[in-house]
């Protein structure tokens, strides 16, 4: 297999602390760039774990359509601003941050007081504007998760009435694009492909770490397939019934019938089970009386044989 190289050719950090990374991967065989690009993009956009604000409690507010005296933004605007805050939570447990300000004040994300387990990525993200002489108290809940989690209206009935749920976007990747170009790198000018990937993160993770995590998830996904063994199972032959193992002597047949069967190489009940009534009659010196005798002896132990070969 052709060994390819990964090169990061660009890394930028925007004013909102989002990060952009551009990677070149190649050379690749024809078709491999598309396979690699599509697989990585799907995992990057929907499979990476991230952090998000999932609920907000505002002092004196019990529904999202309210307004707050002395605050320029209404509750819906504040919830939307909180939803857009990028955070990096290193704990798997629920983390709670709080804000308590007195106006005049421009409340921003950096004003949220979290534990050391949570880092606010873009501290200049605006939340609300409080006028002079008024107060604003917020409580923000932060969780880790994967993908997109809408508000579960059924759980709202059992949660605190003043805890306002938010649709949570846990995806740390904002955008992934890739392009493919052809390059001749082998002897004789044979065509190879090169994959160019552009990743834009929300700043809670770097493009390098995101790409590595996506690749590790794909490795874990395909690893079980590498150990599949196509060993054909040999079916076990059923064990013969106990009655079939009974020796011929225990049937207590007449001497004539016994001797005829012995000369025909019949030594046990299992040998007799391969005969029909017509087969017994064809044994040398074995008449219908002896055949009936054998049938009755077999029936005493719960075994029957067919009348003819066609009915077997």
Protein backbone atom coordinates (compact mmCIF):
# COMPACT_ATOMS: atom_id res chain seq x y z
CA UNK A 1 0.00 0.00 0.00
CA UNK A 2 1.22 3.49 -0.87
CA UNK A 3 2.47 5.38 2.20
CA UNK A 4 0.97 8.87 2.38
CA UNK A 5 1.95 11.98 4.35
CA UNK A 6 -0.16 14.47 6.35
CA UNK A 7 0.88 18.11 6.29
CA UNK A 8 -0.86 21.05 7.96
CA UNK A 9 -0.37 23.97 5.59
CA UNK A 10 -2.45 26.60 7.43
CA UNK A 11 -3.66 27.36 10.95
CA UNK A 12 -5.60 30.50 11.88
CA UNK A 13 -7.35 31.73 15.02
CA UNK A 14 -10.23 34.18 14.47
CA UNK A 15 -11.35 36.99 16.77
CA UNK A 16 -14.04 34.75 18.26
CA UNK A 17 -11.29 32.17 19.05
CA UNK A 18 -12.57 29.72 16.41
CA UNK A 19 -9.71 27.87 14.72
CA UNK A 20 -9.19 26.97 11.06
CA UNK A 21 -6.79 24.27 9.95
CA UNK A 22 -5.97 23.16 6.41
CA UNK A 23 -4.37 19.74 5.83
CA UNK A 24 -2.86 18.04 2.78
CA UNK A 25 -3.03 14.24 2.74
CA UNK A 26 -1.30 12.28 0.00
CA UNK A 27 -0.27 10.76 -2.27
CA UNK A 28 -3.24 8.39 -2.41
CA UNK A 29 -4.40 5.79 -4.90
CA UNK A 30 -7.29 6.74 -7.18
CA UNK A 31 -10.56 6.72 -5.22
CA UNK A 32 -8.94 6.66 -1.79
CA UNK A 33 -9.13 10.45 -1.35
CA UNK A 34 -12.91 10.40 -1.73
CA UNK A 35 -13.24 7.49 0.68
CA UNK A 36 -11.00 9.14 3.26
CA UNK A 37 -12.53 12.60 2.88
CA UNK A 38 -16.15 11.45 3.19
CA UNK A 39 -15.43 9.20 6.18
CA UNK A 40 -13.49 11.86 8.09
CA UNK A 41 -16.07 14.55 7.33
CA UNK A 42 -18.99 12.46 8.64
CA UNK A 43 -17.19 11.72 11.91
CA UNK A 44 -15.94 15.30 12.33
CA UNK A 45 -19.40 16.80 11.83
CA UNK A 46 -21.43 14.34 13.88
CA UNK A 47 -19.25 12.02 15.94
CA UNK A 48 -17.00 14.18 18.12
CA UNK A 49 -17.89 14.92 21.73
CA UNK A 50 -18.23 18.56 22.73
CA UNK A 51 -19.63 20.91 25.37
CA UNK A 52 -22.65 23.20 25.30
CA UNK A 53 -24.95 25.31 27.45
CA UNK A 54 -28.08 23.19 27.96
CA UNK A 55 -30.21 25.26 30.35
CA UNK A 56 -30.40 28.76 31.88
CA UNK A 57 -32.03 30.01 35.07
CA UNK A 58 -32.78 33.74 35.28
CA UNK A 59 -33.79 35.24 38.60
CA UNK A 60 -37.45 36.33 38.56
CA UNK A 61 -38.21 34.62 35.22
CA UNK A 62 -40.19 31.39 34.76
CA UNK A 63 -40.77 31.29 30.98
CA UNK A 64 -38.87 32.26 27.84
CA UNK A 65 -41.38 34.89 26.64
CA UNK A 66 -40.87 37.21 29.59
CA UNK A 67 -39.01 40.51 29.74
CA UNK A 68 -36.65 41.61 32.49
CA UNK A 69 -36.96 45.12 33.94
CA UNK A 70 -33.86 47.19 33.23
CA UNK A 71 -32.43 44.71 30.68
CA UNK A 72 -32.35 45.68 27.01
CA UNK A 73 -32.65 42.12 25.69
CA UNK A 74 -35.72 39.98 26.27
CA UNK A 75 -35.40 36.44 27.62
CA UNK A 76 -35.41 34.81 24.16
CA UNK A 77 -32.45 36.97 23.09
CA UNK A 78 -30.54 36.10 26.25
CA UNK A 79 -31.16 32.38 25.71
CA UNK A 80 -29.95 32.64 22.11
CA UNK A 81 -26.81 34.47 23.23
CA UNK A 82 -26.13 31.79 25.85
CA UNK A 83 -26.63 29.05 23.28
CA UNK A 84 -23.88 30.58 21.12
CA UNK A 85 -21.29 30.60 23.92
CA UNK A 86 -18.41 28.21 23.16
CA UNK A 87 -17.21 26.35 26.23
CA UNK A 88 -14.69 23.60 26.87
CA UNK A 89 -15.89 21.35 29.71
CA UNK A 90 -13.40 18.73 30.90
CA UNK A 91 -15.86 17.03 33.26
CA UNK A 92 -18.46 14.42 32.35
CA UNK A 93 -20.73 15.76 35.11
CA UNK A 94 -23.10 18.72 34.95
CA UNK A 95 -21.26 22.00 35.54
CA UNK A 96 -23.01 25.19 36.68
CA UNK A 97 -21.83 28.77 36.10
CA UNK A 98 -23.28 31.93 37.61
CA UNK A 99 -23.46 35.64 36.86
CA UNK A 100 -24.62 38.40 39.25
CA UNK A 101 -24.21 41.98 37.99
CA UNK A 102 -25.56 45.42 38.81
CA UNK A 103 -26.04 47.96 36.05
CA UNK A 104 -24.93 49.73 34.14
CA UNK A 105 -23.09 46.76 32.66
CA UNK A 106 -22.42 44.95 29.40
CA UNK A 107 -22.66 41.29 30.44
CA UNK A 108 -20.32 39.04 28.47
CA UNK A 109 -19.36 35.38 28.53
CA UNK A 110 -16.18 36.12 30.46
CA UNK A 111 -18.32 37.28 33.40
CA UNK A 112 -19.62 33.75 34.00
CA UNK A 113 -18.08 32.16 37.07
CA UNK A 114 -17.38 28.46 36.42
CA UNK A 115 -15.31 25.88 38.22
CA UNK A 116 -11.81 25.08 37.00
CA UNK A 117 -13.31 22.27 34.86
CA UNK A 118 -14.92 24.72 32.42
CA UNK A 119 -13.22 27.24 30.16
CA UNK A 120 -15.12 29.90 28.24
CA UNK A 121 -13.58 30.04 24.75
CA UNK A 122 -14.88 33.40 23.52
CA UNK A 123 -15.05 35.66 26.55
CA UNK A 124 -16.24 38.67 24.53
CA UNK A 125 -19.47 36.98 23.46
CA UNK A 126 -22.29 39.37 24.55
CA UNK A 127 -25.10 38.07 26.74
CA UNK A 128 -27.15 41.06 27.95
CA UNK A 129 -27.14 44.79 28.63
CA UNK A 130 -28.19 45.91 32.12
CA UNK A 131 -29.23 49.51 32.76
CA UNK A 132 -28.24 51.53 35.81
CA UNK A 133 -29.99 50.62 39.05
CA UNK A 134 -31.05 47.16 37.88
CA UNK A 135 -29.70 43.69 38.59
CA UNK A 136 -29.33 40.52 36.52
CA UNK A 137 -28.66 37.06 37.94
CA UNK A 138 -28.07 34.07 35.66
CA UNK A 139 -27.29 30.41 36.21
CA UNK A 140 -25.96 28.43 33.21
CA UNK A 141 -25.83 24.63 32.98
CA UNK A 142 -23.06 23.10 30.86
CA UNK A 143 -22.87 19.45 29.78
CA UNK A 144 -20.87 17.23 27.44
CA UNK A 145 -22.49 15.30 24.62
CA UNK A 146 -22.41 14.32 20.95
CA UNK A 147 -24.31 15.88 18.06
CA UNK A 148 -27.51 17.86 18.55
CA UNK A 149 -29.96 17.40 21.43
CA UNK A 150 -33.32 19.15 21.18
CA UNK A 151 -35.30 20.17 24.24
CA UNK A 152 -37.38 17.29 25.58
CA UNK A 153 -40.74 18.88 26.36
CA UNK A 154 -41.82 15.82 28.34
CA UNK A 155 -39.00 16.35 30.85
CA UNK A 156 -39.83 20.03 31.24
CA UNK A 157 -42.87 19.09 33.30
CA UNK A 158 -40.68 17.38 35.91
CA UNK A 159 -37.85 19.97 35.94
CA UNK A 160 -37.80 23.21 37.92
CA UNK A 161 -40.32 25.70 36.55
CA UNK A 162 -37.71 28.48 36.30
CA UNK A 163 -35.06 26.36 34.53
CA UNK A 164 -35.24 27.26 30.83
CA UNK A 165 -34.06 24.41 28.57
CA UNK A 166 -31.99 25.12 25.44
CA UNK A 167 -31.51 23.03 22.31
CA UNK A 168 -27.91 21.89 22.79
CA UNK A 169 -25.37 21.84 19.95
CA UNK A 170 -22.46 19.76 21.22
CA UNK A 171 -20.62 19.67 17.87
CA UNK A 172 -17.18 21.32 18.24
CA UNK A 173 -16.71 21.45 14.45
CA UNK A 174 -18.42 24.30 12.62
CA UNK A 175 -17.45 23.42 9.05
CA UNK A 176 -15.52 20.78 7.09
CA UNK A 177 -14.67 21.05 3.39
CA UNK A 178 -12.41 18.89 1.25
CA UNK A 179 -11.15 18.94 -2.31
CA UNK A 180 -9.24 16.40 -4.38
CA UNK A 181 -6.57 17.08 -6.94
CA UNK A 182 -4.39 14.82 -9.05
CA UNK A 183 -0.63 14.75 -8.86
CA UNK A 184 1.95 12.61 -10.69
CA UNK A 185 4.43 11.36 -8.09
CA UNK A 186 5.35 7.83 -9.16
CA UNK A 187 7.89 6.73 -11.74
CA UNK A 188 6.50 7.00 -15.23
CA UNK A 189 4.11 9.76 -14.18
CA UNK A 190 1.37 7.50 -12.85
CA UNK A 191 -1.53 9.49 -11.42
CA UNK A 192 -2.00 9.82 -7.69
CA UNK A 193 -4.56 11.83 -5.69
CA UNK A 194 -4.11 14.35 -2.90
CA UNK A 195 -6.78 15.24 -0.35
CA UNK A 196 -7.06 18.81 0.94
CA UNK A 197 -9.19 19.19 4.08
CA UNK A 198 -10.27 22.43 5.76
CA UNK A 199 -11.60 22.24 9.33
CA UNK A 200 -13.17 25.09 11.31
CA UNK A 201 -13.65 24.44 15.03
CA UNK A 202 -15.49 26.53 17.63
CA UNK A 203 -12.23 26.97 19.55
CA UNK A 204 -12.92 24.33 22.20
CA UNK A 205 -10.58 21.97 20.33
CA UNK A 206 -7.80 22.42 17.78
CA UNK A 207 -8.09 21.20 14.17
CA UNK A 208 -5.17 18.82 14.79
CA UNK A 209 -6.84 17.18 17.79
CA UNK A 210 -10.20 16.99 15.99
CA UNK A 211 -8.67 15.26 12.96
CA UNK A 212 -6.81 12.78 15.19
CA UNK A 213 -9.96 11.98 17.20
CA UNK A 214 -11.98 11.39 14.03
CA UNK A 215 -9.29 9.06 12.67
CA UNK A 216 -9.21 7.09 15.95
CA UNK A 217 -12.99 6.65 15.85
CA UNK A 218 -12.75 5.24 12.32
CA UNK A 219 -9.98 2.86 13.42
CA UNK A 220 -12.19 1.58 16.27
CA UNK A 221 -15.07 1.18 13.82
CA UNK A 222 -13.11 -0.92 11.31
CA UNK A 223 -10.86 -2.84 13.71
CA UNK A 224 -13.37 -5.68 14.41
CA UNK A 225 -13.63 -6.32 10.66
CA UNK A 226 -9.87 -6.97 10.50
CA UNK A 227 -10.22 -9.94 12.84
CA UNK A 228 -13.15 -11.64 11.12
CA UNK A 229 -12.32 -15.31 10.40
CA UNK A 230 -14.39 -17.20 7.85
CA UNK A 231 -14.06 -20.65 9.44
CA UNK A 232 -16.80 -22.97 8.22
CA UNK A 233 -18.47 -24.78 11.07
CA UNK A 234 -18.78 -28.55 10.64
CA UNK A 235 -22.24 -29.67 11.76
CA UNK A 236 -22.22 -32.24 14.49
CA UNK A 237 -23.75 -35.59 13.64
CA UNK A 238 -26.66 -36.47 15.89
CA UNK A 239 -25.98 -39.22 18.38
CA UNK A 240 -27.91 -42.44 17.71
CA UNK A 241 -30.87 -43.17 19.94
CA UNK A 242 -30.38 -45.52 22.86
CA UNK A 243 -32.78 -48.07 21.34
CA UNK A 244 -30.70 -48.18 18.14
CA UNK A 245 -27.68 -49.39 20.09
CA UNK A 246 -29.44 -52.54 21.34
CA UNK A 247 -27.67 -55.70 20.06
CA UNK A 248 -29.65 -58.20 17.98
CA UNK A 249 -29.47 -60.85 20.72
CA UNK A 250 -31.67 -58.81 23.06
CA UNK A 251 -34.65 -58.92 20.68
CA UNK A 252 -35.21 -62.60 21.65
CA UNK A 253 -35.88 -63.69 18.08
CA UNK A 254 -36.32 -67.28 17.00
CA UNK A 255 -33.18 -69.20 16.03
CA UNK A 256 -34.16 -69.22 12.34
CA UNK A 257 -34.75 -65.47 12.19
CA UNK A 258 -31.66 -64.70 14.25
CA UNK A 259 -29.34 -66.82 12.05
CA UNK A 260 -30.72 -65.36 8.82
CA UNK A 261 -30.16 -61.80 10.07
CA UNK A 262 -26.65 -62.61 11.26
CA UNK A 263 -25.73 -64.01 7.83
CA UNK A 264 -27.04 -60.73 6.33
CA UNK A 265 -24.59 -58.78 8.57
CA UNK A 266 -27.36 -57.44 10.81
CA UNK A 267 -25.88 -57.17 14.31
CA UNK A 268 -27.97 -54.50 16.08
CA UNK A 269 -31.25 -52.63 16.02
CA UNK A 270 -29.53 -49.72 14.21
CA UNK A 271 -28.75 -52.12 11.34
CA UNK A 272 -32.39 -53.19 11.19
CA UNK A 273 -33.59 -49.57 10.99
CA UNK A 274 -32.12 -49.36 7.49
CA UNK A 275 -34.49 -52.13 6.26
CA UNK A 276 -38.07 -51.95 5.11
CA UNK A 277 -40.55 -54.88 5.35
CA UNK A 278 -39.87 -55.65 1.69
CA UNK A 279 -36.09 -55.69 2.36
CA UNK A 280 -36.57 -58.28 5.12
CA UNK A 281 -38.46 -60.58 2.77
CA UNK A 282 -35.55 -60.49 0.34
CA UNK A 283 -33.11 -61.92 2.91
CA UNK A 284 -32.20 -65.51 2.02
CA UNK A 285 -34.40 -68.09 3.81
CA UNK A 286 -36.28 -65.22 5.55
CA UNK A 287 -40.03 -65.64 5.11
CA UNK A 288 -42.99 -63.48 6.03
CA UNK A 289 -43.34 -65.22 9.41
CA UNK A 290 -39.79 -64.22 10.38
CA UNK A 291 -40.36 -60.71 9.04
CA UNK A 292 -43.51 -60.32 11.17
CA UNK A 293 -41.55 -61.57 14.15
CA UNK A 294 -38.91 -58.86 13.65
CA UNK A 295 -41.59 -56.16 13.21
CA UNK A 296 -43.26 -57.16 16.51
CA UNK A 297 -39.90 -57.21 18.34
CA UNK A 298 -39.07 -53.72 17.14
CA UNK A 299 -42.49 -52.36 18.06
CA UNK A 300 -41.98 -53.60 21.64
CA UNK A 301 -39.10 -51.14 22.00
CA UNK A 302 -40.91 -48.30 20.19
CA UNK A 303 -39.37 -48.60 16.73
CA UNK A 304 -41.18 -49.06 13.45
CA UNK A 305 -39.87 -49.61 9.94
CA UNK A 306 -41.65 -48.79 6.64
CA UNK A 307 -43.54 -51.39 4.63
CA UNK A 308 -41.77 -50.59 1.37
CA UNK A 309 -38.67 -48.83 0.13
CA UNK A 310 -40.68 -45.98 -1.45
CA UNK A 311 -42.35 -45.07 1.84
CA UNK A 312 -39.03 -44.84 3.70
